[in-house]
Amino acid sequence: MYPPGPPEEEYYDDADYEYDDDEYYDEEDEDNPWLKRGIIFLGGCLVLLACLGCCVLLLVLLWFVDPTQGLLATPIPGSDIGLSLDAPAYSNESVVNEQKVKLTILELYRDASVPAIPPQEDREVIIITVELVNLGDEDVNFNERDFALLNLAEEAYLPTPGAIDGALGRGILPPDSGLEGRLVFEVARGEQGLTLRWDGGPDAEPRFIALE
């Protein structure tokens, strides 16, 4: 029949329900937060150790590939000076380029007399004795034309090839070897603030050494 009548009372039970807390309570739950934190901390430590181990392994592999790039590798003395005309090396300092060739000025003579160069009142001859040492493990080309003298106006004086005995000339410098040679320049008489520029080749940046 419609509408339905009131529900029968047997569908409702007025009995009191009691819950047994012990049934849903676990004594170990009290320690679960600390246990979880401990597991998280331990997991983080393991991840950190794994990362450190990978870094150490990578460094070891890099050292085997190129020992010179190890943690104890230090720059070659002279490789970080004379890098620009504004900050040249001093005349008593040696410079080293990217090809691991060291350049040192051994002697400097101003107003020198060279038979191959006729004397002039407004000109003077400068002779520079240099030493080249190959610190690397490959042959390196050298040429006296790689050098120039720059004045304060950055004008370049080029060397006079073969003008004197013992001229630097050109050739190949083997590893662990060195040589001495002379460079001859003809400059304006009394020119001051001269700087020797050395272009070691296409794979090396120029180096600069002040003469005074």
N, C-alpha and C. Protein backbone atom coordinates (compact mmCIF):
# COMPACT_ATOMS: atom_id res chain seq x y z
N MET A 1 0.84 -1.19 0.00
CA MET A 1 0.00 0.00 0.00
C MET A 1 0.88 1.25 0.00
N TYR A 2 0.33 2.28 -0.44
CA TYR A 2 1.08 3.54 -0.51
C TYR A 2 0.25 4.63 0.09
N PRO A 3 0.74 5.44 0.97
CA PRO A 3 2.14 5.46 1.44
C PRO A 3 2.39 4.39 2.46
N PRO A 4 3.67 4.03 2.66
CA PRO A 4 3.96 2.97 3.62
C PRO A 4 3.69 3.43 5.03
N GLY A 5 3.41 2.50 5.86
CA GLY A 5 3.13 2.82 7.24
C GLY A 5 4.39 3.02 8.04
N PRO A 6 4.28 3.34 9.27
CA PRO A 6 5.47 3.55 10.13
C PRO A 6 6.27 2.27 10.26
N PRO A 7 7.58 2.40 10.36
CA PRO A 7 8.43 1.20 10.46
C PRO A 7 8.14 0.44 11.73
N GLU A 8 8.29 -0.83 11.61
CA GLU A 8 8.07 -1.67 12.77
C GLU A 8 9.20 -1.53 13.75
N GLU A 9 8.89 -1.66 15.00
CA GLU A 9 9.88 -1.45 16.04
C GLU A 9 10.95 -2.51 16.06
N GLU A 10 10.72 -3.63 15.40
CA GLU A 10 11.70 -4.71 15.46
C GLU A 10 12.95 -4.39 14.64
N TYR A 11 12.84 -3.36 13.79
CA TYR A 11 14.03 -2.99 13.02
C TYR A 11 15.05 -2.24 13.86
N TYR A 12 14.65 -1.78 15.00
CA TYR A 12 15.55 -1.01 15.85
C TYR A 12 15.86 -1.81 17.09
N ASP A 13 17.12 -1.75 17.47
CA ASP A 13 17.55 -2.47 18.67
C ASP A 13 18.12 -1.45 19.62
N ASP A 14 17.44 -1.31 20.74
CA ASP A 14 17.88 -0.32 21.71
C ASP A 14 19.01 -0.81 22.60
N ALA A 15 19.54 -1.98 22.27
CA ALA A 15 20.59 -2.52 23.13
C ALA A 15 21.84 -1.65 23.03
N ASP A 16 22.55 -1.53 24.11
CA ASP A 16 23.79 -0.76 24.14
C ASP A 16 24.92 -1.58 23.55
N TYR A 17 25.72 -0.90 22.69
CA TYR A 17 26.86 -1.56 22.07
C TYR A 17 28.12 -1.14 22.79
N GLU A 18 28.93 -2.10 23.12
CA GLU A 18 30.19 -1.84 23.80
C GLU A 18 31.35 -2.23 22.88
N TYR A 19 32.38 -1.39 22.88
CA TYR A 19 33.55 -1.63 22.03
C TYR A 19 34.72 -2.02 22.91
N ASP A 20 35.37 -3.03 22.48
CA ASP A 20 36.55 -3.50 23.21
C ASP A 20 37.77 -2.79 22.64
N ASP A 21 38.28 -1.82 23.42
CA ASP A 21 39.43 -1.05 22.94
C ASP A 21 40.63 -1.94 22.69
N ASP A 22 40.77 -3.00 23.45
CA ASP A 22 41.93 -3.87 23.29
C ASP A 22 41.94 -4.55 21.93
N GLU A 23 40.73 -4.66 21.34
CA GLU A 23 40.64 -5.34 20.05
C GLU A 23 41.29 -4.51 18.94
N TYR A 24 41.26 -3.17 19.07
CA TYR A 24 41.78 -2.29 18.04
C TYR A 24 43.09 -1.62 18.43
N TYR A 25 43.58 -1.87 19.59
CA TYR A 25 44.79 -1.21 20.07
C TYR A 25 45.96 -2.18 20.03
N ASP A 26 47.01 -1.73 19.45
CA ASP A 26 48.23 -2.54 19.37
C ASP A 26 49.33 -1.79 20.11
N GLU A 27 49.93 -2.45 21.08
CA GLU A 27 50.95 -1.79 21.88
C GLU A 27 52.12 -1.31 21.03
N GLU A 28 52.39 -1.99 19.91
CA GLU A 28 53.52 -1.59 19.07
C GLU A 28 53.25 -0.28 18.34
N ASP A 29 51.94 0.11 18.22
CA ASP A 29 51.63 1.35 17.52
C ASP A 29 52.23 2.55 18.22
N GLU A 30 52.46 2.42 19.52
CA GLU A 30 53.00 3.54 20.26
C GLU A 30 54.41 3.89 19.79
N ASP A 31 55.17 2.88 19.33
CA ASP A 31 56.53 3.11 18.87
C ASP A 31 56.63 3.31 17.37
N ASN A 32 55.58 3.20 16.63
CA ASN A 32 55.63 3.29 15.17
C ASN A 32 56.18 4.61 14.65
N PRO A 33 55.82 5.77 15.21
CA PRO A 33 56.39 7.03 14.68
C PRO A 33 57.91 7.06 14.76
N TRP A 34 58.47 6.61 15.86
CA TRP A 34 59.93 6.60 15.98
C TRP A 34 60.56 5.58 15.06
N LEU A 35 59.87 4.46 14.90
CA LEU A 35 60.39 3.43 14.00
C LEU A 35 60.41 3.94 12.56
N LYS A 36 59.34 4.64 12.18
CA LYS A 36 59.29 5.18 10.83
C LYS A 36 60.37 6.22 10.62
N ARG A 37 60.57 7.08 11.63
CA ARG A 37 61.62 8.09 11.51
C ARG A 37 63.00 7.45 11.39
N GLY A 38 63.19 6.39 12.16
CA GLY A 38 64.47 5.69 12.09
C GLY A 38 64.71 5.08 10.72
N ILE A 39 63.66 4.50 10.15
CA ILE A 39 63.79 3.90 8.82
C ILE A 39 64.09 4.97 7.77
N ILE A 40 63.41 6.13 7.88
CA ILE A 40 63.64 7.22 6.93
C ILE A 40 65.07 7.74 7.06
N PHE A 41 65.53 7.91 8.31
CA PHE A 41 66.89 8.40 8.53
C PHE A 41 67.92 7.41 7.98
N LEU A 42 67.69 6.13 8.25
CA LEU A 42 68.62 5.11 7.76
C LEU A 42 68.64 5.08 6.23
N GLY A 43 67.46 5.23 5.63
CA GLY A 43 67.40 5.27 4.16
C GLY A 43 68.14 6.46 3.60
N GLY A 44 67.99 7.62 4.25
CA GLY A 44 68.72 8.80 3.79
C GLY A 44 70.23 8.62 3.89
N CYS A 45 70.68 8.00 4.98
CA CYS A 45 72.12 7.75 5.14
C CYS A 45 72.64 6.82 4.04
N LEU A 46 71.85 5.80 3.73
CA LEU A 46 72.28 4.87 2.67
C LEU A 46 72.36 5.57 1.32
N VAL A 47 71.40 6.45 1.03
CA VAL A 47 71.43 7.19 -0.23
C VAL A 47 72.65 8.10 -0.28
N LEU A 48 72.94 8.78 0.85
CA LEU A 48 74.11 9.66 0.90
C LEU A 48 75.40 8.88 0.69
N LEU A 49 75.52 7.73 1.35
CA LEU A 49 76.71 6.91 1.17
C LEU A 49 76.85 6.43 -0.27
N ALA A 50 75.72 6.10 -0.89
CA ALA A 50 75.76 5.65 -2.28
C ALA A 50 76.25 6.78 -3.19
N CYS A 51 75.78 8.02 -2.94
CA CYS A 51 76.21 9.16 -3.75
C CYS A 51 77.70 9.42 -3.57
N LEU A 52 78.16 9.37 -2.31
CA LEU A 52 79.59 9.58 -2.06
C LEU A 52 80.43 8.51 -2.73
N GLY A 53 79.95 7.27 -2.67
CA GLY A 53 80.67 6.19 -3.33
C GLY A 53 80.77 6.39 -4.82
N CYS A 54 79.69 6.87 -5.44
CA CYS A 54 79.71 7.14 -6.88
C CYS A 54 80.70 8.26 -7.22
N CYS A 55 80.74 9.30 -6.37
CA CYS A 55 81.67 10.41 -6.61
C CYS A 55 83.11 9.94 -6.52
N VAL A 56 83.40 9.14 -5.50
CA VAL A 56 84.77 8.62 -5.35
C VAL A 56 85.14 7.74 -6.53
N LEU A 57 84.22 6.89 -6.95
CA LEU A 57 84.49 6.02 -8.10
C LEU A 57 84.74 6.84 -9.36
N LEU A 58 83.96 7.92 -9.55
CA LEU A 58 84.15 8.77 -10.72
C LEU A 58 85.52 9.45 -10.70
N LEU A 59 85.94 9.93 -9.52
CA LEU A 59 87.25 10.56 -9.41
C LEU A 59 88.37 9.57 -9.70
N VAL A 60 88.21 8.34 -9.22
CA VAL A 60 89.22 7.32 -9.49
C VAL A 60 89.32 7.03 -10.98
N LEU A 61 88.16 6.92 -11.64
CA LEU A 61 88.16 6.67 -13.08
C LEU A 61 88.80 7.82 -13.84
N LEU A 62 88.49 9.07 -13.44
CA LEU A 62 89.10 10.23 -14.09
C LEU A 62 90.60 10.25 -13.88
N TRP A 63 91.04 9.84 -12.71
CA TRP A 63 92.48 9.83 -12.43
C TRP A 63 93.19 8.82 -13.32
N PHE A 64 92.56 7.67 -13.54
CA PHE A 64 93.17 6.66 -14.41
C PHE A 64 93.21 7.16 -15.85
N VAL A 65 92.19 7.92 -16.27
CA VAL A 65 92.18 8.44 -17.64
C VAL A 65 93.25 9.50 -17.81
N ASP A 66 93.36 10.43 -16.84
CA ASP A 66 94.36 11.51 -16.91
C ASP A 66 94.83 11.83 -15.51
N PRO A 67 95.95 11.26 -15.07
CA PRO A 67 96.43 11.49 -13.71
C PRO A 67 96.72 12.95 -13.40
N THR A 68 97.01 13.76 -14.43
CA THR A 68 97.33 15.17 -14.19
C THR A 68 96.12 15.96 -13.73
N GLN A 69 94.91 15.40 -13.89
CA GLN A 69 93.70 16.09 -13.47
C GLN A 69 93.23 15.66 -12.10
N GLY A 70 94.09 14.99 -11.35
CA GLY A 70 93.71 14.50 -10.03
C GLY A 70 93.56 15.61 -9.02
N LEU A 71 93.17 15.21 -7.81
CA LEU A 71 92.94 16.20 -6.77
C LEU A 71 94.22 16.90 -6.37
N LEU A 72 95.37 16.24 -6.54
CA LEU A 72 96.63 16.81 -6.12
C LEU A 72 97.32 17.59 -7.23
N ALA A 73 96.69 17.67 -8.41
CA ALA A 73 97.32 18.37 -9.53
C ALA A 73 97.38 19.86 -9.23
N THR A 74 98.51 20.48 -9.54
CA THR A 74 98.70 21.91 -9.33
C THR A 74 99.14 22.55 -10.64
N PRO A 75 98.82 23.82 -10.84
CA PRO A 75 99.24 24.49 -12.08
C PRO A 75 100.75 24.52 -12.20
N ILE A 76 101.23 24.47 -13.44
CA ILE A 76 102.67 24.56 -13.68
C ILE A 76 103.12 25.98 -13.35
N PRO A 77 104.19 26.14 -12.57
CA PRO A 77 104.68 27.48 -12.26
C PRO A 77 104.96 28.27 -13.54
N GLY A 78 104.44 29.48 -13.59
CA GLY A 78 104.63 30.33 -14.75
C GLY A 78 103.49 30.29 -15.74
N SER A 79 102.55 29.36 -15.55
CA SER A 79 101.43 29.24 -16.49
C SER A 79 100.33 30.27 -16.24
N ASP A 80 100.40 30.96 -15.11
CA ASP A 80 99.35 31.92 -14.77
C ASP A 80 99.85 33.36 -14.72
N ILE A 81 100.99 33.63 -15.34
CA ILE A 81 101.52 34.99 -15.39
C ILE A 81 101.83 35.36 -16.83
N GLY A 82 101.92 36.68 -17.08
CA GLY A 82 102.22 37.15 -18.43
C GLY A 82 101.11 36.88 -19.42
N LEU A 83 99.87 36.89 -18.94
CA LEU A 83 98.74 36.52 -19.80
C LEU A 83 98.22 37.67 -20.65
N SER A 84 98.63 38.90 -20.35
CA SER A 84 98.13 40.03 -21.11
C SER A 84 99.19 41.12 -21.17
N LEU A 85 99.03 42.03 -22.13
CA LEU A 85 99.97 43.14 -22.26
C LEU A 85 99.86 44.09 -21.08
N ASP A 86 98.67 44.17 -20.49
CA ASP A 86 98.48 45.05 -19.34
C ASP A 86 99.09 44.48 -18.07
N ALA A 87 99.31 43.18 -18.03
CA ALA A 87 99.90 42.54 -16.84
C ALA A 87 100.97 41.55 -17.28
N PRO A 88 102.07 42.06 -17.83
CA PRO A 88 103.13 41.16 -18.31
C PRO A 88 103.94 40.58 -17.16
N ALA A 89 104.65 39.51 -17.45
CA ALA A 89 105.58 38.96 -16.47
C ALA A 89 106.82 39.86 -16.42
N TYR A 90 107.56 39.76 -15.32
CA TYR A 90 108.81 40.50 -15.21
C TYR A 90 109.90 39.80 -16.02
N SER A 91 110.96 40.55 -16.31
CA SER A 91 112.01 40.01 -17.17
C SER A 91 112.75 38.84 -16.52
N ASN A 92 112.69 38.73 -15.20
CA ASN A 92 113.36 37.62 -14.51
C ASN A 92 112.42 36.46 -14.22
N GLU A 93 111.22 36.49 -14.80
CA GLU A 93 110.25 35.42 -14.59
C GLU A 93 110.09 34.59 -15.86
N SER A 94 109.81 33.31 -15.68
CA SER A 94 109.53 32.41 -16.80
C SER A 94 108.03 32.28 -16.98
N VAL A 95 107.60 32.16 -18.23
CA VAL A 95 106.19 31.95 -18.54
C VAL A 95 106.03 30.61 -19.24
N VAL A 96 104.86 30.00 -19.06
CA VAL A 96 104.55 28.70 -19.65
C VAL A 96 103.22 28.81 -20.39
N ASN A 97 103.18 28.35 -21.63
CA ASN A 97 101.94 28.44 -22.40
C ASN A 97 101.14 27.15 -22.32
N GLU A 98 100.03 27.09 -23.08
CA GLU A 98 99.14 25.93 -23.03
C GLU A 98 99.78 24.66 -23.58
N GLN A 99 100.82 24.80 -24.39
CA GLN A 99 101.52 23.64 -24.91
C GLN A 99 102.60 23.14 -23.95
N LYS A 100 102.63 23.73 -22.76
CA LYS A 100 103.59 23.36 -21.72
C LYS A 100 105.04 23.62 -22.16
N VAL A 101 105.22 24.74 -22.84
CA VAL A 101 106.56 25.19 -23.21
C VAL A 101 106.90 26.39 -22.34
N LYS A 102 108.07 26.35 -21.73
CA LYS A 102 108.50 27.43 -20.83
C LYS A 102 109.46 28.35 -21.57
N LEU A 103 109.22 29.65 -21.43
CA LEU A 103 110.08 30.67 -22.04
C LEU A 103 110.75 31.48 -20.94
N THR A 104 112.06 31.66 -21.06
CA THR A 104 112.83 32.45 -20.11
C THR A 104 113.77 33.38 -20.87
N ILE A 105 113.83 34.64 -20.45
CA ILE A 105 114.81 35.58 -21.01
C ILE A 105 116.11 35.43 -20.22
N LEU A 106 117.17 35.05 -20.92
CA LEU A 106 118.46 34.84 -20.26
C LEU A 106 119.33 36.10 -20.27
N GLU A 107 119.36 36.78 -21.41
CA GLU A 107 120.21 37.97 -21.53
C GLU A 107 119.52 39.00 -22.42
N LEU A 108 119.87 40.26 -22.18
CA LEU A 108 119.31 41.37 -22.96
C LEU A 108 120.42 42.38 -23.23
N TYR A 109 120.64 42.68 -24.51
CA TYR A 109 121.64 43.67 -24.91
C TYR A 109 120.95 44.76 -25.73
N ARG A 110 121.14 46.00 -25.29
CA ARG A 110 120.60 47.14 -26.02
C ARG A 110 121.74 47.85 -26.75
N ASP A 111 121.36 48.49 -27.86
CA ASP A 111 122.31 49.23 -28.69
C ASP A 111 123.48 48.33 -29.09
N ALA A 112 123.13 47.11 -29.48
CA ALA A 112 124.15 46.14 -29.87
C ALA A 112 124.60 46.42 -31.30
N SER A 113 125.77 45.88 -31.63
CA SER A 113 126.32 46.02 -32.97
C SER A 113 126.23 44.67 -33.68
N VAL A 114 125.52 44.65 -34.80
CA VAL A 114 125.33 43.44 -35.58
C VAL A 114 125.77 43.73 -37.02
N PRO A 115 126.78 43.02 -37.55
CA PRO A 115 127.28 43.31 -38.90
C PRO A 115 126.21 43.25 -39.97
N ALA A 116 125.22 42.39 -39.80
CA ALA A 116 124.20 42.24 -40.83
C ALA A 116 123.22 43.41 -40.87
N ILE A 117 123.24 44.27 -39.85
CA ILE A 117 122.31 45.40 -39.80
C ILE A 117 123.12 46.70 -39.79
N PRO A 118 123.05 47.49 -40.84
CA PRO A 118 123.80 48.76 -40.88
C PRO A 118 123.36 49.69 -39.76
N PRO A 119 124.28 50.34 -39.07
CA PRO A 119 123.91 51.26 -37.98
C PRO A 119 123.20 52.50 -38.50
N GLN A 120 122.24 52.99 -37.71
CA GLN A 120 121.51 54.22 -38.03
C GLN A 120 121.40 55.06 -36.76
N GLU A 121 121.44 56.38 -36.92
CA GLU A 121 121.45 57.26 -35.76
C GLU A 121 120.16 57.16 -34.95
N ASP A 122 119.04 56.98 -35.64
CA ASP A 122 117.76 56.96 -34.93
C ASP A 122 117.27 55.55 -34.63
N ARG A 123 118.12 54.57 -34.85
CA ARG A 123 117.72 53.18 -34.61
C ARG A 123 118.76 52.50 -33.72
N GLU A 124 118.32 51.49 -33.00
CA GLU A 124 119.23 50.67 -32.21
C GLU A 124 118.82 49.21 -32.32
N VAL A 125 119.79 48.35 -32.11
CA VAL A 125 119.56 46.91 -32.20
C VAL A 125 119.50 46.32 -30.79
N ILE A 126 118.49 45.52 -30.56
CA ILE A 126 118.33 44.82 -29.28
C ILE A 126 118.47 43.33 -29.52
N ILE A 127 119.33 42.69 -28.74
CA ILE A 127 119.51 41.23 -28.83
C ILE A 127 118.98 40.61 -27.54
N ILE A 128 118.07 39.67 -27.69
CA ILE A 128 117.49 38.98 -26.54
C ILE A 128 117.81 37.49 -26.67
N THR A 129 118.48 36.96 -25.66
CA THR A 129 118.75 35.52 -25.63
C THR A 129 117.66 34.85 -24.79
N VAL A 130 116.98 33.89 -25.40
CA VAL A 130 115.87 33.22 -24.73
C VAL A 130 116.15 31.73 -24.62
N GLU A 131 115.45 31.11 -23.70
CA GLU A 131 115.50 29.66 -23.53
C GLU A 131 114.09 29.10 -23.63
N LEU A 132 113.93 28.06 -24.42
CA LEU A 132 112.66 27.34 -24.54
C LEU A 132 112.84 25.93 -24.00
N VAL A 133 111.93 25.50 -23.14
CA VAL A 133 111.97 24.16 -22.56
C VAL A 133 110.60 23.52 -22.74
N ASN A 134 110.58 22.34 -23.33
CA ASN A 134 109.34 21.60 -23.53
C ASN A 134 109.06 20.74 -22.30
N LEU A 135 108.08 21.16 -21.51
CA LEU A 135 107.71 20.43 -20.29
C LEU A 135 106.65 19.36 -20.56
N GLY A 136 106.13 19.31 -21.78
CA GLY A 136 105.07 18.37 -22.10
C GLY A 136 105.59 17.03 -22.57
N ASP A 137 104.70 16.25 -23.16
CA ASP A 137 105.06 14.91 -23.64
C ASP A 137 104.86 14.76 -25.14
N GLU A 138 104.79 15.90 -25.87
CA GLU A 138 104.65 15.88 -27.32
C GLU A 138 105.63 16.86 -27.94
N ASP A 139 106.00 16.60 -29.20
CA ASP A 139 106.86 17.53 -29.92
C ASP A 139 106.14 18.86 -30.11
N VAL A 140 106.92 19.94 -30.06
CA VAL A 140 106.36 21.28 -30.21
C VAL A 140 107.18 22.05 -31.24
N ASN A 141 106.51 22.75 -32.14
CA ASN A 141 107.19 23.59 -33.12
C ASN A 141 107.54 24.94 -32.50
N PHE A 142 108.68 25.48 -32.88
CA PHE A 142 109.06 26.82 -32.45
C PHE A 142 109.59 27.59 -33.64
N ASN A 143 109.48 28.91 -33.56
CA ASN A 143 109.90 29.77 -34.67
C ASN A 143 110.19 31.16 -34.10
N GLU A 144 111.32 31.75 -34.51
CA GLU A 144 111.64 33.08 -34.01
C GLU A 144 110.63 34.12 -34.49
N ARG A 145 109.89 33.80 -35.54
CA ARG A 145 108.86 34.72 -36.01
C ARG A 145 107.63 34.72 -35.09
N ASP A 146 107.62 33.85 -34.09
CA ASP A 146 106.54 33.85 -33.11
C ASP A 146 106.70 34.98 -32.09
N PHE A 147 107.81 35.73 -32.19
CA PHE A 147 108.11 36.77 -31.21
C PHE A 147 107.99 38.16 -31.84
N ALA A 148 107.69 39.13 -30.99
CA ALA A 148 107.65 40.54 -31.40
C ALA A 148 107.89 41.40 -30.18
N LEU A 149 108.41 42.61 -30.42
CA LEU A 149 108.55 43.60 -29.35
C LEU A 149 107.45 44.64 -29.52
N LEU A 150 106.72 44.90 -28.45
CA LEU A 150 105.65 45.89 -28.47
C LEU A 150 106.07 47.11 -27.66
N ASN A 151 105.82 48.30 -28.23
CA ASN A 151 106.10 49.52 -27.47
C ASN A 151 104.84 49.98 -26.74
N LEU A 152 104.91 51.15 -26.12
CA LEU A 152 103.77 51.62 -25.33
C LEU A 152 102.54 51.90 -26.18
N ALA A 153 102.76 52.18 -27.46
CA ALA A 153 101.63 52.41 -28.38
C ALA A 153 101.14 51.10 -29.00
N GLU A 154 101.68 49.97 -28.51
CA GLU A 154 101.34 48.63 -28.99
C GLU A 154 101.73 48.42 -30.46
N GLU A 155 102.71 49.19 -30.91
CA GLU A 155 103.28 48.95 -32.23
C GLU A 155 104.29 47.81 -32.12
N ALA A 156 104.31 46.95 -33.11
CA ALA A 156 105.12 45.73 -33.04
C ALA A 156 106.38 45.86 -33.88
N TYR A 157 107.51 45.51 -33.26
CA TYR A 157 108.78 45.36 -33.97
C TYR A 157 109.01 43.86 -34.17
N LEU A 158 109.19 43.45 -35.41
CA LEU A 158 109.40 42.04 -35.71
C LEU A 158 110.90 41.72 -35.71
N PRO A 159 111.26 40.49 -35.40
CA PRO A 159 112.69 40.13 -35.36
C PRO A 159 113.28 40.06 -36.77
N THR A 160 114.60 40.20 -36.82
CA THR A 160 115.33 40.05 -38.07
C THR A 160 115.90 38.64 -38.12
N PRO A 161 115.30 37.74 -38.91
CA PRO A 161 115.73 36.33 -38.90
C PRO A 161 117.17 36.16 -39.39
N GLY A 162 117.90 35.28 -38.71
CA GLY A 162 119.24 34.91 -39.15
C GLY A 162 120.24 36.04 -39.17
N ALA A 163 120.01 37.10 -38.39
CA ALA A 163 120.91 38.25 -38.43
C ALA A 163 122.16 38.04 -37.60
N ILE A 164 122.21 36.98 -36.81
CA ILE A 164 123.32 36.79 -35.89
C ILE A 164 123.54 35.30 -35.67
N ASP A 165 124.78 34.95 -35.34
CA ASP A 165 125.06 33.56 -34.99
C ASP A 165 124.29 33.18 -33.72
N GLY A 166 123.80 31.97 -33.71
CA GLY A 166 123.03 31.52 -32.55
C GLY A 166 121.60 31.99 -32.56
N ALA A 167 121.12 32.44 -33.73
CA ALA A 167 119.72 32.87 -33.81
C ALA A 167 118.80 31.70 -33.48
N LEU A 168 117.65 32.04 -32.92
CA LEU A 168 116.71 30.99 -32.51
C LEU A 168 116.25 30.15 -33.69
N GLY A 169 115.99 30.80 -34.81
CA GLY A 169 115.55 30.06 -35.99
C GLY A 169 114.20 29.39 -35.78
N ARG A 170 114.08 28.21 -36.34
CA ARG A 170 112.84 27.45 -36.19
C ARG A 170 113.16 25.97 -36.18
N GLY A 171 112.22 25.18 -35.66
CA GLY A 171 112.44 23.74 -35.60
C GLY A 171 111.42 23.07 -34.71
N ILE A 172 111.77 21.88 -34.26
CA ILE A 172 110.89 21.07 -33.41
C ILE A 172 111.61 20.82 -32.09
N LEU A 173 110.88 21.03 -31.01
CA LEU A 173 111.43 20.83 -29.67
C LEU A 173 110.81 19.56 -29.08
N PRO A 174 111.61 18.49 -28.90
CA PRO A 174 111.07 17.24 -28.35
C PRO A 174 110.69 17.40 -26.87
N PRO A 175 109.93 16.46 -26.34
CA PRO A 175 109.58 16.50 -24.92
C PRO A 175 110.82 16.43 -24.03
N ASP A 176 110.74 17.07 -22.88
CA ASP A 176 111.82 17.06 -21.88
C ASP A 176 113.15 17.54 -22.46
N SER A 177 113.09 18.52 -23.33
CA SER A 177 114.32 19.07 -23.90
C SER A 177 114.18 20.59 -23.97
N GLY A 178 115.33 21.26 -24.12
CA GLY A 178 115.33 22.71 -24.20
C GLY A 178 116.42 23.20 -25.12
N LEU A 179 116.37 24.49 -25.44
CA LEU A 179 117.40 25.09 -26.28
C LEU A 179 117.46 26.59 -26.00
N GLU A 180 118.59 27.18 -26.37
CA GLU A 180 118.77 28.62 -26.28
C GLU A 180 118.90 29.21 -27.68
N GLY A 181 118.45 30.42 -27.84
CA GLY A 181 118.56 31.09 -29.13
C GLY A 181 118.47 32.59 -28.96
N ARG A 182 118.94 33.32 -29.97
CA ARG A 182 118.95 34.77 -29.92
C ARG A 182 117.89 35.35 -30.85
N LEU A 183 117.29 36.43 -30.37
CA LEU A 183 116.33 37.21 -31.16
C LEU A 183 116.91 38.59 -31.38
N VAL A 184 116.86 39.09 -32.61
CA VAL A 184 117.43 40.39 -32.95
C VAL A 184 116.30 41.31 -33.41
N PHE A 185 116.21 42.48 -32.76
CA PHE A 185 115.18 43.47 -33.11
C PHE A 185 115.85 44.81 -33.39
N GLU A 186 115.33 45.50 -34.36
CA GLU A 186 115.76 46.87 -34.65
C GLU A 186 114.62 47.80 -34.29
N VAL A 187 114.85 48.68 -33.31
CA VAL A 187 113.79 49.54 -32.78
C VAL A 187 114.25 50.99 -32.79
N ALA A 188 113.32 51.89 -32.49
CA ALA A 188 113.66 53.30 -32.38
C ALA A 188 114.62 53.49 -31.20
N ARG A 189 115.63 54.30 -31.40
CA ARG A 189 116.65 54.47 -30.37
C ARG A 189 116.03 55.05 -29.09
N GLY A 190 116.38 54.44 -27.98
CA GLY A 190 115.90 54.92 -26.69
C GLY A 190 114.46 54.55 -26.37
N GLU A 191 113.86 53.70 -27.17
CA GLU A 191 112.46 53.31 -26.92
C GLU A 191 112.34 52.63 -25.56
N GLN A 192 111.38 53.10 -24.76
CA GLN A 192 111.17 52.56 -23.42
C GLN A 192 109.84 51.81 -23.36
N GLY A 193 109.68 51.04 -22.29
CA GLY A 193 108.42 50.33 -22.08
C GLY A 193 108.18 49.21 -23.06
N LEU A 194 109.26 48.57 -23.52
CA LEU A 194 109.12 47.48 -24.49
C LEU A 194 108.72 46.18 -23.79
N THR A 195 107.88 45.42 -24.48
CA THR A 195 107.40 44.13 -23.96
C THR A 195 107.56 43.07 -25.03
N LEU A 196 108.12 41.94 -24.64
CA LEU A 196 108.27 40.82 -25.58
C LEU A 196 106.97 40.02 -25.62
N ARG A 197 106.41 39.88 -26.83
CA ARG A 197 105.21 39.06 -27.02
C ARG A 197 105.62 37.75 -27.68
N TRP A 198 105.08 36.67 -27.15
CA TRP A 198 105.39 35.33 -27.67
C TRP A 198 104.10 34.63 -28.04
N ASP A 199 103.93 34.34 -29.32
CA ASP A 199 102.78 33.58 -29.81
C ASP A 199 103.25 32.14 -30.03
N GLY A 200 102.86 31.26 -29.13
CA GLY A 200 103.36 29.90 -29.19
C GLY A 200 102.71 29.00 -30.21
N GLY A 201 101.77 29.52 -30.98
CA GLY A 201 101.10 28.69 -31.98
C GLY A 201 99.60 28.81 -31.88
N PRO A 202 98.87 28.14 -32.78
CA PRO A 202 97.40 28.27 -32.80
C PRO A 202 96.71 27.71 -31.57
N ASP A 203 97.38 26.80 -30.86
CA ASP A 203 96.77 26.18 -29.67
C ASP A 203 97.22 26.85 -28.37
N ALA A 204 97.87 27.99 -28.47
CA ALA A 204 98.39 28.66 -27.27
C ALA A 204 98.08 30.15 -27.33
N GLU A 205 97.71 30.70 -26.19
CA GLU A 205 97.47 32.13 -26.09
C GLU A 205 98.82 32.86 -25.96
N PRO A 206 98.89 34.11 -26.43
CA PRO A 206 100.15 34.86 -26.33
C PRO A 206 100.57 35.06 -24.87
N ARG A 207 101.88 35.14 -24.68
CA ARG A 207 102.45 35.46 -23.38
C ARG A 207 103.28 36.73 -23.52
N PHE A 208 103.37 37.50 -22.43
CA PHE A 208 104.03 38.80 -22.47
C PHE A 208 105.04 38.91 -21.33
N ILE A 209 106.25 39.39 -21.68
CA ILE A 209 107.30 39.61 -20.68
C ILE A 209 107.85 41.02 -20.88
N ALA A 210 107.78 41.84 -19.83
CA ALA A 210 108.31 43.20 -19.90
C ALA A 210 109.83 43.15 -19.86
N LEU A 211 110.48 43.94 -20.70
CA LEU A 211 111.94 43.95 -20.73
C LEU A 211 112.53 44.78 -19.60
N GLU A 212 111.77 45.71 -19.06
CA GLU A 212 112.29 46.61 -18.02
C GLU A 212 111.34 46.64 -16.84
